[in-house]
Amino acid sequence: MDSLPCLAAGGGRAAFDSIMADNALIAVTARDSTTASSATNNFGALPVEGALSQYLRNNPTKYYYCWYTTGKARQMTSTLVCPAGPY
């Protein structure tokens, strides 16, 4: 799944697009198998480049997420280890 339906209006892609545009980023630090990370539902300090929580309606979110450097995310049902990107 490449969108975050339970995040702010417009989905997670819009949230990642917004934080990337606001901070003039062309990439974010991935949260996938290359970073040995598990999925998260708390964006208070993630991604590393800036807290996505300011772009979300709810934090923590109902579901868990992993993302690739492009900001494209994958919805997970638990804190399982993130699969390899890209998504």
N, C-alpha and C. Protein backbone atom coordinates (compact mmCIF):
# COMPACT_ATOMS: atom_id res chain seq x y z
N MET A 1 0.85 -1.16 0.00
CA MET A 1 0.00 0.00 0.00
C MET A 1 0.90 1.23 0.00
N ASP A 2 0.64 2.19 -0.87
CA ASP A 2 1.53 3.31 -0.96
C ASP A 2 0.94 4.62 -0.47
N SER A 3 -0.08 4.53 0.34
CA SER A 3 -0.62 5.75 0.93
C SER A 3 -0.90 5.49 2.40
N LEU A 4 -1.07 6.54 3.14
CA LEU A 4 -1.32 6.43 4.57
C LEU A 4 -2.72 6.96 4.85
N PRO A 5 -3.76 6.12 4.68
CA PRO A 5 -5.13 6.59 4.73
C PRO A 5 -5.58 7.15 6.06
N CYS A 6 -4.95 6.76 7.17
CA CYS A 6 -5.42 7.25 8.46
C CYS A 6 -4.69 8.52 8.88
N LEU A 7 -3.84 9.06 8.05
CA LEU A 7 -3.13 10.28 8.38
C LEU A 7 -3.93 11.47 7.88
N ALA A 8 -3.35 12.62 7.93
CA ALA A 8 -4.05 13.86 7.59
C ALA A 8 -4.70 13.78 6.21
N ALA A 9 -5.68 14.64 6.01
CA ALA A 9 -6.40 14.67 4.74
C ALA A 9 -5.41 14.71 3.59
N GLY A 10 -5.65 13.92 2.57
CA GLY A 10 -4.74 13.84 1.44
C GLY A 10 -3.80 12.65 1.55
N GLY A 11 -3.82 11.97 2.69
CA GLY A 11 -3.01 10.78 2.87
C GLY A 11 -1.58 11.09 3.25
N GLY A 12 -0.87 10.06 3.57
CA GLY A 12 0.51 10.18 4.02
C GLY A 12 1.44 10.73 2.98
N ARG A 13 1.18 10.40 1.73
CA ARG A 13 2.04 10.93 0.68
C ARG A 13 1.99 12.45 0.72
N ALA A 14 0.82 13.01 0.95
CA ALA A 14 0.70 14.47 1.04
C ALA A 14 1.48 14.99 2.24
N ALA A 15 1.46 14.27 3.35
CA ALA A 15 2.22 14.69 4.54
C ALA A 15 3.71 14.66 4.24
N PHE A 16 4.19 13.58 3.64
CA PHE A 16 5.61 13.51 3.29
C PHE A 16 5.96 14.57 2.25
N ASP A 17 5.10 14.76 1.25
CA ASP A 17 5.35 15.80 0.25
C ASP A 17 5.46 17.17 0.91
N SER A 18 4.59 17.44 1.88
CA SER A 18 4.58 18.74 2.55
C SER A 18 5.86 18.97 3.36
N ILE A 19 6.26 17.99 4.15
CA ILE A 19 7.47 18.18 4.96
C ILE A 19 8.70 18.30 4.07
N MET A 20 8.70 17.55 2.96
CA MET A 20 9.84 17.62 2.04
C MET A 20 9.88 18.99 1.35
N ALA A 21 8.75 19.50 0.94
CA ALA A 21 8.69 20.81 0.29
C ALA A 21 9.04 21.92 1.27
N ASP A 22 8.47 21.87 2.48
CA ASP A 22 8.73 22.91 3.47
C ASP A 22 10.19 22.99 3.88
N ASN A 23 10.90 21.87 3.80
CA ASN A 23 12.30 21.83 4.21
C ASN A 23 13.26 21.68 3.03
N ALA A 24 12.76 21.88 1.81
CA ALA A 24 13.55 21.81 0.57
C ALA A 24 14.35 20.50 0.49
N LEU A 25 13.68 19.39 0.80
CA LEU A 25 14.33 18.08 0.78
C LEU A 25 14.03 17.35 -0.52
N ILE A 26 15.00 16.63 -1.03
CA ILE A 26 14.75 15.77 -2.19
C ILE A 26 14.65 14.31 -1.76
N ALA A 27 14.99 14.06 -0.49
CA ALA A 27 14.90 12.70 0.06
C ALA A 27 14.81 12.79 1.58
N VAL A 28 14.29 11.73 2.18
CA VAL A 28 14.26 11.60 3.64
C VAL A 28 14.99 10.31 4.01
N THR A 29 15.39 10.21 5.25
CA THR A 29 16.04 9.00 5.71
C THR A 29 15.02 7.87 5.69
N ALA A 30 15.33 6.81 4.98
CA ALA A 30 14.40 5.68 4.85
C ALA A 30 14.18 4.99 6.18
N ARG A 31 13.03 4.39 6.31
CA ARG A 31 12.73 3.49 7.43
C ARG A 31 12.31 2.18 6.77
N ASP A 32 13.31 1.40 6.38
CA ASP A 32 13.08 0.12 5.70
C ASP A 32 14.13 -0.87 6.17
N SER A 33 14.24 -2.00 5.50
CA SER A 33 15.16 -3.04 5.95
C SER A 33 16.62 -2.60 5.92
N THR A 34 16.95 -1.61 5.10
CA THR A 34 18.34 -1.14 5.05
C THR A 34 18.73 -0.38 6.31
N THR A 35 17.74 0.13 7.03
CA THR A 35 18.03 0.84 8.28
C THR A 35 17.74 -0.04 9.49
N ALA A 36 17.40 -1.32 9.22
CA ALA A 36 17.10 -2.29 10.28
C ALA A 36 16.03 -1.76 11.24
N SER A 37 15.05 -1.11 10.69
CA SER A 37 14.01 -0.49 11.50
C SER A 37 12.72 -1.28 11.47
N SER A 38 11.98 -1.18 12.54
CA SER A 38 10.64 -1.73 12.57
C SER A 38 9.66 -0.62 12.21
N ALA A 39 8.46 -1.01 11.82
CA ALA A 39 7.43 -0.04 11.48
C ALA A 39 7.09 0.80 12.70
N THR A 40 6.62 2.01 12.46
CA THR A 40 6.28 2.91 13.57
C THR A 40 4.90 3.52 13.37
N ASN A 41 4.30 3.93 14.47
CA ASN A 41 3.05 4.68 14.41
C ASN A 41 3.19 6.02 15.14
N ASN A 42 4.40 6.38 15.52
CA ASN A 42 4.66 7.62 16.23
C ASN A 42 5.64 8.47 15.43
N PHE A 43 5.17 9.62 15.00
CA PHE A 43 5.97 10.49 14.14
C PHE A 43 6.43 11.75 14.86
N GLY A 44 6.54 11.69 16.18
CA GLY A 44 6.99 12.85 16.96
C GLY A 44 8.41 13.26 16.64
N ALA A 45 9.24 12.34 16.22
CA ALA A 45 10.63 12.65 15.89
C ALA A 45 11.03 12.02 14.56
N LEU A 46 10.08 11.63 13.76
CA LEU A 46 10.38 10.96 12.49
C LEU A 46 9.65 11.63 11.35
N PRO A 47 10.22 11.65 10.16
CA PRO A 47 11.54 11.14 9.82
C PRO A 47 12.63 11.99 10.46
N VAL A 48 13.85 11.56 10.34
CA VAL A 48 14.98 12.24 10.96
C VAL A 48 15.03 13.72 10.57
N GLU A 49 14.64 14.03 9.37
CA GLU A 49 14.73 15.40 8.86
C GLU A 49 13.72 16.36 9.49
N GLY A 50 12.74 15.87 10.21
CA GLY A 50 11.74 16.72 10.88
C GLY A 50 10.52 15.92 11.26
N ALA A 51 9.88 16.32 12.34
CA ALA A 51 8.72 15.59 12.85
C ALA A 51 7.54 15.68 11.89
N LEU A 52 7.11 14.53 11.39
CA LEU A 52 5.96 14.47 10.50
C LEU A 52 4.66 14.73 11.27
N SER A 53 4.71 14.61 12.60
CA SER A 53 3.51 14.77 13.43
C SER A 53 2.82 16.11 13.21
N GLN A 54 3.57 17.14 12.87
CA GLN A 54 2.96 18.45 12.64
C GLN A 54 2.09 18.48 11.38
N TYR A 55 2.21 17.46 10.55
CA TYR A 55 1.43 17.38 9.32
C TYR A 55 0.30 16.35 9.42
N LEU A 56 0.14 15.73 10.59
CA LEU A 56 -0.83 14.66 10.77
C LEU A 56 -1.99 15.10 11.65
N ARG A 57 -3.13 14.51 11.39
CA ARG A 57 -4.30 14.77 12.22
C ARG A 57 -4.16 14.06 13.56
N ASN A 58 -3.65 12.84 13.56
CA ASN A 58 -3.48 12.05 14.79
C ASN A 58 -2.07 11.50 14.88
N ASN A 59 -1.51 11.57 16.06
CA ASN A 59 -0.21 10.96 16.33
C ASN A 59 -0.23 10.49 17.78
N PRO A 60 -0.06 9.22 18.05
CA PRO A 60 0.31 8.18 17.10
C PRO A 60 -0.85 7.80 16.19
N THR A 61 -0.51 7.17 15.09
CA THR A 61 -1.50 6.75 14.11
C THR A 61 -2.04 5.36 14.45
N LYS A 62 -3.16 5.02 13.86
CA LYS A 62 -3.78 3.71 14.11
C LYS A 62 -2.92 2.57 13.58
N TYR A 63 -2.35 2.75 12.39
CA TYR A 63 -1.52 1.73 11.77
C TYR A 63 -0.05 2.10 11.89
N TYR A 64 0.80 1.20 11.46
CA TYR A 64 2.24 1.39 11.51
C TYR A 64 2.76 1.56 10.08
N TYR A 65 3.89 2.26 9.94
CA TYR A 65 4.39 2.58 8.61
C TYR A 65 5.90 2.44 8.49
N CYS A 66 6.31 2.12 7.28
CA CYS A 66 7.70 2.12 6.85
C CYS A 66 7.72 3.03 5.62
N TRP A 67 8.87 3.61 5.29
CA TRP A 67 8.93 4.46 4.11
C TRP A 67 10.31 4.40 3.47
N TYR A 68 10.31 4.82 2.23
CA TYR A 68 11.52 4.83 1.43
C TYR A 68 12.04 6.27 1.35
N THR A 69 13.21 6.47 0.81
CA THR A 69 13.82 7.79 0.75
C THR A 69 12.98 8.81 -0.02
N THR A 70 12.12 8.34 -0.90
CA THR A 70 11.25 9.24 -1.68
C THR A 70 10.06 9.74 -0.87
N GLY A 71 9.84 9.18 0.32
CA GLY A 71 8.68 9.53 1.13
C GLY A 71 7.49 8.63 0.85
N LYS A 72 7.64 7.72 -0.09
CA LYS A 72 6.56 6.78 -0.38
C LYS A 72 6.53 5.74 0.74
N ALA A 73 5.36 5.54 1.32
CA ALA A 73 5.23 4.72 2.52
C ALA A 73 4.47 3.42 2.28
N ARG A 74 4.66 2.51 3.22
CA ARG A 74 3.95 1.22 3.20
C ARG A 74 3.28 1.03 4.55
N GLN A 75 1.99 0.78 4.53
CA GLN A 75 1.23 0.55 5.75
C GLN A 75 1.46 -0.86 6.28
N MET A 76 1.65 -0.97 7.58
CA MET A 76 1.86 -2.25 8.24
C MET A 76 0.81 -2.39 9.34
N THR A 77 0.53 -3.62 9.75
CA THR A 77 -0.46 -3.83 10.81
C THR A 77 0.16 -3.97 12.18
N SER A 78 1.49 -4.02 12.25
CA SER A 78 2.17 -4.12 13.54
C SER A 78 3.57 -3.55 13.41
N THR A 79 4.36 -3.70 14.45
CA THR A 79 5.72 -3.16 14.44
C THR A 79 6.72 -4.13 13.84
N LEU A 80 6.30 -4.93 12.89
CA LEU A 80 7.20 -5.86 12.21
C LEU A 80 8.38 -5.11 11.59
N VAL A 81 9.44 -5.83 11.33
CA VAL A 81 10.59 -5.23 10.65
C VAL A 81 10.14 -4.78 9.26
N CYS A 82 10.54 -3.62 8.88
CA CYS A 82 10.16 -3.07 7.58
C CYS A 82 10.78 -3.88 6.45
N PRO A 83 10.01 -4.10 5.38
CA PRO A 83 10.56 -4.81 4.22
C PRO A 83 11.50 -3.90 3.43
N ALA A 84 12.23 -4.48 2.53
CA ALA A 84 13.13 -3.71 1.68
C ALA A 84 12.34 -2.77 0.79
N GLY A 85 12.85 -1.58 0.58
CA GLY A 85 12.25 -0.64 -0.35
C GLY A 85 12.87 -0.85 -1.72
N PRO A 86 12.54 -0.14 -2.74
CA PRO A 86 11.57 0.93 -2.67
C PRO A 86 10.13 0.42 -2.65
N TYR A 87 9.25 1.28 -2.19
CA TYR A 87 7.83 0.94 -2.12
C TYR A 87 7.11 1.55 -3.29
